[in-house]
Amino acid sequence: MAFHFIGGEELAIGFRFVGIAGTVVQTPDEARAAFTAVTHDPEAKVVILTEQVSAMIPSEVMAWQLSGAYPLIVEIPDISGHEENRTSLIDSIRDAVGLHV
């Protein structure tokens, strides 16, 4: 599987250490351009976005996720942690299952 990361410089460096290519973005225009390029790359199977990047281009990310096409989109928190008012995947699963430990 071919992975690609889009986000901040610190995480891009970390992903490079484990062999995952990345694109550093800081503005919505850069995020949109990187997202478009990666999602139209036939080699890409999984795109890892930070929550901050996803928040810059929410309509593009949502449209791609709803299309059901490859590459799959995975959102992760940035170095600073989860964004406020955003439910993590673990919290959503706990709410759905009804288990709180």
N, C-alpha and C. Protein backbone atom coordinates (compact mmCIF):
# COMPACT_ATOMS: atom_id res chain seq x y z
N MET A 1 0.83 -1.19 0.00
CA MET A 1 0.00 0.00 0.00
C MET A 1 0.87 1.25 0.00
N ALA A 2 0.49 2.23 -0.75
CA ALA A 2 1.23 3.48 -0.79
C ALA A 2 0.54 4.50 0.10
N PHE A 3 1.26 4.97 1.08
CA PHE A 3 0.76 5.97 2.01
C PHE A 3 1.31 7.33 1.64
N HIS A 4 0.57 8.38 1.99
CA HIS A 4 1.05 9.74 1.80
C HIS A 4 0.51 10.59 2.95
N PHE A 5 1.35 11.44 3.50
CA PHE A 5 0.98 12.30 4.62
C PHE A 5 0.86 13.75 4.15
N ILE A 6 -0.17 14.46 4.64
CA ILE A 6 -0.31 15.90 4.39
C ILE A 6 -0.53 16.58 5.73
N GLY A 7 0.37 17.49 6.08
CA GLY A 7 0.24 18.17 7.37
C GLY A 7 1.43 19.05 7.66
N GLY A 8 1.70 19.22 8.96
CA GLY A 8 2.79 20.08 9.41
C GLY A 8 4.15 19.45 9.25
N GLU A 9 5.15 20.31 9.34
CA GLU A 9 6.53 19.87 9.11
C GLU A 9 7.02 18.84 10.12
N GLU A 10 6.66 19.01 11.39
CA GLU A 10 7.15 18.09 12.41
C GLU A 10 6.68 16.66 12.15
N LEU A 11 5.39 16.51 11.87
CA LEU A 11 4.87 15.17 11.60
C LEU A 11 5.37 14.63 10.27
N ALA A 12 5.55 15.50 9.29
CA ALA A 12 6.07 15.05 7.99
C ALA A 12 7.46 14.43 8.16
N ILE A 13 8.27 15.02 9.01
CA ILE A 13 9.60 14.48 9.28
C ILE A 13 9.48 13.11 9.95
N GLY A 14 8.59 13.01 10.91
CA GLY A 14 8.38 11.73 11.59
C GLY A 14 7.91 10.64 10.64
N PHE A 15 6.98 10.96 9.77
CA PHE A 15 6.50 9.98 8.81
C PHE A 15 7.59 9.61 7.81
N ARG A 16 8.46 10.56 7.46
CA ARG A 16 9.57 10.25 6.56
C ARG A 16 10.51 9.21 7.17
N PHE A 17 10.67 9.27 8.50
CA PHE A 17 11.54 8.31 9.18
C PHE A 17 11.03 6.88 9.04
N VAL A 18 9.73 6.71 8.89
CA VAL A 18 9.17 5.36 8.73
C VAL A 18 8.84 5.05 7.27
N GLY A 19 9.32 5.88 6.36
CA GLY A 19 9.19 5.59 4.95
C GLY A 19 7.93 6.08 4.27
N ILE A 20 7.20 7.00 4.91
CA ILE A 20 5.98 7.53 4.32
C ILE A 20 6.25 8.93 3.79
N ALA A 21 6.02 9.11 2.50
CA ALA A 21 6.22 10.42 1.88
C ALA A 21 5.19 11.40 2.41
N GLY A 22 5.54 12.68 2.38
CA GLY A 22 4.62 13.68 2.90
C GLY A 22 4.74 15.01 2.19
N THR A 23 3.68 15.80 2.36
CA THR A 23 3.65 17.16 1.84
C THR A 23 3.36 18.09 3.00
N VAL A 24 4.21 19.08 3.17
CA VAL A 24 4.02 20.07 4.23
C VAL A 24 3.16 21.19 3.68
N VAL A 25 2.07 21.50 4.40
CA VAL A 25 1.17 22.58 3.99
C VAL A 25 0.93 23.51 5.16
N GLN A 26 0.67 24.78 4.83
CA GLN A 26 0.40 25.76 5.87
C GLN A 26 -0.84 26.60 5.58
N THR A 27 -1.29 26.60 4.34
CA THR A 27 -2.45 27.42 3.97
C THR A 27 -3.52 26.53 3.33
N PRO A 28 -4.75 27.00 3.30
CA PRO A 28 -5.81 26.24 2.62
C PRO A 28 -5.51 25.97 1.15
N ASP A 29 -4.91 26.94 0.46
CA ASP A 29 -4.59 26.73 -0.96
C ASP A 29 -3.55 25.62 -1.13
N GLU A 30 -2.53 25.61 -0.27
CA GLU A 30 -1.52 24.55 -0.33
C GLU A 30 -2.16 23.20 0.01
N ALA A 31 -3.04 23.19 1.02
CA ALA A 31 -3.71 21.96 1.42
C ALA A 31 -4.57 21.42 0.28
N ARG A 32 -5.32 22.29 -0.36
CA ARG A 32 -6.20 21.90 -1.47
C ARG A 32 -5.38 21.33 -2.63
N ALA A 33 -4.28 22.00 -2.97
CA ALA A 33 -3.43 21.54 -4.07
C ALA A 33 -2.81 20.17 -3.76
N ALA A 34 -2.30 20.00 -2.54
CA ALA A 34 -1.69 18.73 -2.15
C ALA A 34 -2.73 17.61 -2.12
N PHE A 35 -3.91 17.90 -1.57
CA PHE A 35 -4.98 16.91 -1.48
C PHE A 35 -5.42 16.47 -2.87
N THR A 36 -5.60 17.41 -3.76
CA THR A 36 -6.02 17.10 -5.13
C THR A 36 -4.97 16.25 -5.83
N ALA A 37 -3.70 16.63 -5.68
CA ALA A 37 -2.62 15.88 -6.33
C ALA A 37 -2.56 14.44 -5.82
N VAL A 38 -2.65 14.27 -4.51
CA VAL A 38 -2.52 12.93 -3.93
C VAL A 38 -3.73 12.07 -4.22
N THR A 39 -4.93 12.63 -4.14
CA THR A 39 -6.12 11.82 -4.38
C THR A 39 -6.26 11.40 -5.84
N HIS A 40 -5.59 12.08 -6.74
CA HIS A 40 -5.64 11.69 -8.15
C HIS A 40 -4.41 10.89 -8.58
N ASP A 41 -3.56 10.52 -7.62
CA ASP A 41 -2.40 9.69 -7.89
C ASP A 41 -2.82 8.23 -7.80
N PRO A 42 -2.73 7.46 -8.88
CA PRO A 42 -3.18 6.06 -8.84
C PRO A 42 -2.35 5.18 -7.89
N GLU A 43 -1.16 5.62 -7.53
CA GLU A 43 -0.31 4.86 -6.61
C GLU A 43 -0.76 5.00 -5.15
N ALA A 44 -1.42 6.10 -4.81
CA ALA A 44 -1.82 6.37 -3.42
C ALA A 44 -3.00 5.49 -3.02
N LYS A 45 -2.88 4.87 -1.87
CA LYS A 45 -3.96 4.03 -1.35
C LYS A 45 -4.51 4.57 -0.02
N VAL A 46 -3.66 5.23 0.76
CA VAL A 46 -4.08 5.82 2.04
C VAL A 46 -3.45 7.20 2.16
N VAL A 47 -4.28 8.21 2.44
CA VAL A 47 -3.80 9.57 2.67
C VAL A 47 -4.03 9.89 4.14
N ILE A 48 -2.97 10.26 4.83
CA ILE A 48 -3.04 10.63 6.24
C ILE A 48 -3.04 12.15 6.32
N LEU A 49 -4.11 12.72 6.86
CA LEU A 49 -4.24 14.16 7.02
C LEU A 49 -4.26 14.51 8.50
N THR A 50 -3.71 15.64 8.86
CA THR A 50 -3.91 16.11 10.22
C THR A 50 -5.31 16.73 10.30
N GLU A 51 -5.86 16.79 11.50
CA GLU A 51 -7.17 17.42 11.69
C GLU A 51 -7.15 18.87 11.23
N GLN A 52 -6.01 19.53 11.43
CA GLN A 52 -5.91 20.93 11.04
C GLN A 52 -6.00 21.09 9.52
N VAL A 53 -5.38 20.20 8.78
CA VAL A 53 -5.46 20.25 7.32
C VAL A 53 -6.88 19.94 6.87
N SER A 54 -7.47 18.94 7.49
CA SER A 54 -8.86 18.59 7.15
C SER A 54 -9.80 19.76 7.40
N ALA A 55 -9.54 20.53 8.45
CA ALA A 55 -10.37 21.69 8.77
C ALA A 55 -10.17 22.82 7.75
N MET A 56 -9.04 22.83 7.06
CA MET A 56 -8.79 23.85 6.04
C MET A 56 -9.61 23.59 4.78
N ILE A 57 -9.86 22.30 4.48
CA ILE A 57 -10.54 21.93 3.24
C ILE A 57 -11.66 20.91 3.52
N PRO A 58 -12.59 21.26 4.40
CA PRO A 58 -13.59 20.27 4.82
C PRO A 58 -14.49 19.76 3.70
N SER A 59 -14.87 20.61 2.77
CA SER A 59 -15.78 20.15 1.71
C SER A 59 -15.09 19.15 0.78
N GLU A 60 -13.82 19.38 0.47
CA GLU A 60 -13.09 18.46 -0.40
C GLU A 60 -12.90 17.10 0.29
N VAL A 61 -12.54 17.14 1.56
CA VAL A 61 -12.33 15.89 2.31
C VAL A 61 -13.64 15.11 2.42
N MET A 62 -14.71 15.78 2.79
CA MET A 62 -16.00 15.10 2.96
C MET A 62 -16.48 14.51 1.63
N ALA A 63 -16.36 15.27 0.55
CA ALA A 63 -16.78 14.78 -0.76
C ALA A 63 -16.00 13.53 -1.16
N TRP A 64 -14.69 13.54 -0.89
CA TRP A 64 -13.87 12.38 -1.24
C TRP A 64 -14.25 11.17 -0.39
N GLN A 65 -14.45 11.37 0.90
CA GLN A 65 -14.81 10.27 1.78
C GLN A 65 -16.15 9.67 1.38
N LEU A 66 -17.11 10.50 1.01
CA LEU A 66 -18.42 10.01 0.63
C LEU A 66 -18.41 9.31 -0.73
N SER A 67 -17.41 9.59 -1.54
CA SER A 67 -17.33 8.95 -2.86
C SER A 67 -16.99 7.47 -2.75
N GLY A 68 -16.31 7.09 -1.67
CA GLY A 68 -15.92 5.69 -1.49
C GLY A 68 -14.76 5.26 -2.36
N ALA A 69 -14.08 6.21 -2.97
CA ALA A 69 -12.97 5.89 -3.86
C ALA A 69 -11.66 5.81 -3.09
N TYR A 70 -10.68 5.15 -3.71
CA TYR A 70 -9.33 5.17 -3.17
C TYR A 70 -8.64 6.44 -3.61
N PRO A 71 -7.76 6.99 -2.84
CA PRO A 71 -7.22 6.50 -1.59
C PRO A 71 -8.16 6.76 -0.41
N LEU A 72 -8.00 5.94 0.61
CA LEU A 72 -8.74 6.15 1.84
C LEU A 72 -8.15 7.35 2.57
N ILE A 73 -8.99 8.07 3.30
CA ILE A 73 -8.55 9.25 4.03
C ILE A 73 -8.57 8.94 5.52
N VAL A 74 -7.46 9.17 6.20
CA VAL A 74 -7.35 8.96 7.64
C VAL A 74 -6.94 10.29 8.26
N GLU A 75 -7.69 10.73 9.27
CA GLU A 75 -7.36 11.97 9.96
C GLU A 75 -6.73 11.66 11.30
N ILE A 76 -5.66 12.38 11.60
CA ILE A 76 -4.97 12.21 12.88
C ILE A 76 -4.79 13.58 13.53
N PRO A 77 -4.61 13.61 14.86
CA PRO A 77 -4.33 14.90 15.50
C PRO A 77 -2.93 15.38 15.14
N ASP A 78 -2.73 16.67 15.21
CA ASP A 78 -1.43 17.27 14.97
C ASP A 78 -0.59 17.15 16.24
N ILE A 79 0.61 17.69 16.21
CA ILE A 79 1.49 17.68 17.38
C ILE A 79 0.81 18.30 18.59
N SER A 80 -0.03 19.30 18.36
CA SER A 80 -0.69 20.01 19.46
C SER A 80 -1.88 19.25 20.03
N GLY A 81 -2.23 18.11 19.45
CA GLY A 81 -3.35 17.32 19.96
C GLY A 81 -4.62 17.54 19.17
N HIS A 82 -5.71 16.99 19.69
CA HIS A 82 -7.00 17.10 19.00
C HIS A 82 -7.49 18.54 18.98
N GLU A 83 -8.18 18.89 17.90
CA GLU A 83 -8.80 20.20 17.83
C GLU A 83 -10.00 20.22 18.76
N GLU A 84 -10.32 21.40 19.27
CA GLU A 84 -11.48 21.54 20.14
C GLU A 84 -12.75 21.25 19.35
N ASN A 85 -13.76 20.77 20.07
CA ASN A 85 -15.08 20.46 19.49
C ASN A 85 -15.00 19.39 18.40
N ARG A 86 -14.02 18.52 18.49
CA ARG A 86 -13.88 17.46 17.51
C ARG A 86 -13.83 16.14 18.27
N THR A 87 -14.68 15.23 17.91
CA THR A 87 -14.75 13.94 18.57
C THR A 87 -13.75 12.99 17.93
N SER A 88 -12.95 12.32 18.76
CA SER A 88 -11.99 11.37 18.22
C SER A 88 -12.70 10.08 17.83
N LEU A 89 -12.04 9.29 17.04
CA LEU A 89 -12.60 8.01 16.61
C LEU A 89 -12.86 7.11 17.81
N ILE A 90 -11.94 7.08 18.75
CA ILE A 90 -12.11 6.26 19.95
C ILE A 90 -13.34 6.71 20.73
N ASP A 91 -13.53 8.01 20.89
CA ASP A 91 -14.71 8.52 21.60
C ASP A 91 -15.99 8.14 20.88
N SER A 92 -15.99 8.20 19.55
CA SER A 92 -17.17 7.82 18.77
C SER A 92 -17.49 6.35 18.95
N ILE A 93 -16.46 5.51 18.95
CA ILE A 93 -16.67 4.07 19.15
C ILE A 93 -17.19 3.80 20.56
N ARG A 94 -16.62 4.47 21.54
CA ARG A 94 -17.09 4.29 22.93
C ARG A 94 -18.55 4.70 23.05
N ASP A 95 -18.92 5.80 22.43
CA ASP A 95 -20.31 6.25 22.49
C ASP A 95 -21.25 5.26 21.80
N ALA A 96 -20.81 4.72 20.66
CA ALA A 96 -21.63 3.78 19.91
C ALA A 96 -21.81 2.46 20.65
N VAL A 97 -20.73 1.99 21.29
CA VAL A 97 -20.77 0.72 21.99
C VAL A 97 -21.38 0.89 23.39
N GLY A 98 -21.20 2.05 23.96
CA GLY A 98 -21.74 2.31 25.29
C GLY A 98 -20.79 1.95 26.42
N LEU A 99 -19.52 1.76 26.10
CA LEU A 99 -18.52 1.43 27.13
C LEU A 99 -17.67 2.65 27.45
N HIS A 100 -17.60 2.96 28.71
CA HIS A 100 -16.73 4.05 29.17
C HIS A 100 -15.92 3.53 30.33
N VAL A 101 -14.63 3.43 30.14
CA VAL A 101 -13.75 2.88 31.16
C VAL A 101 -13.01 4.01 31.83
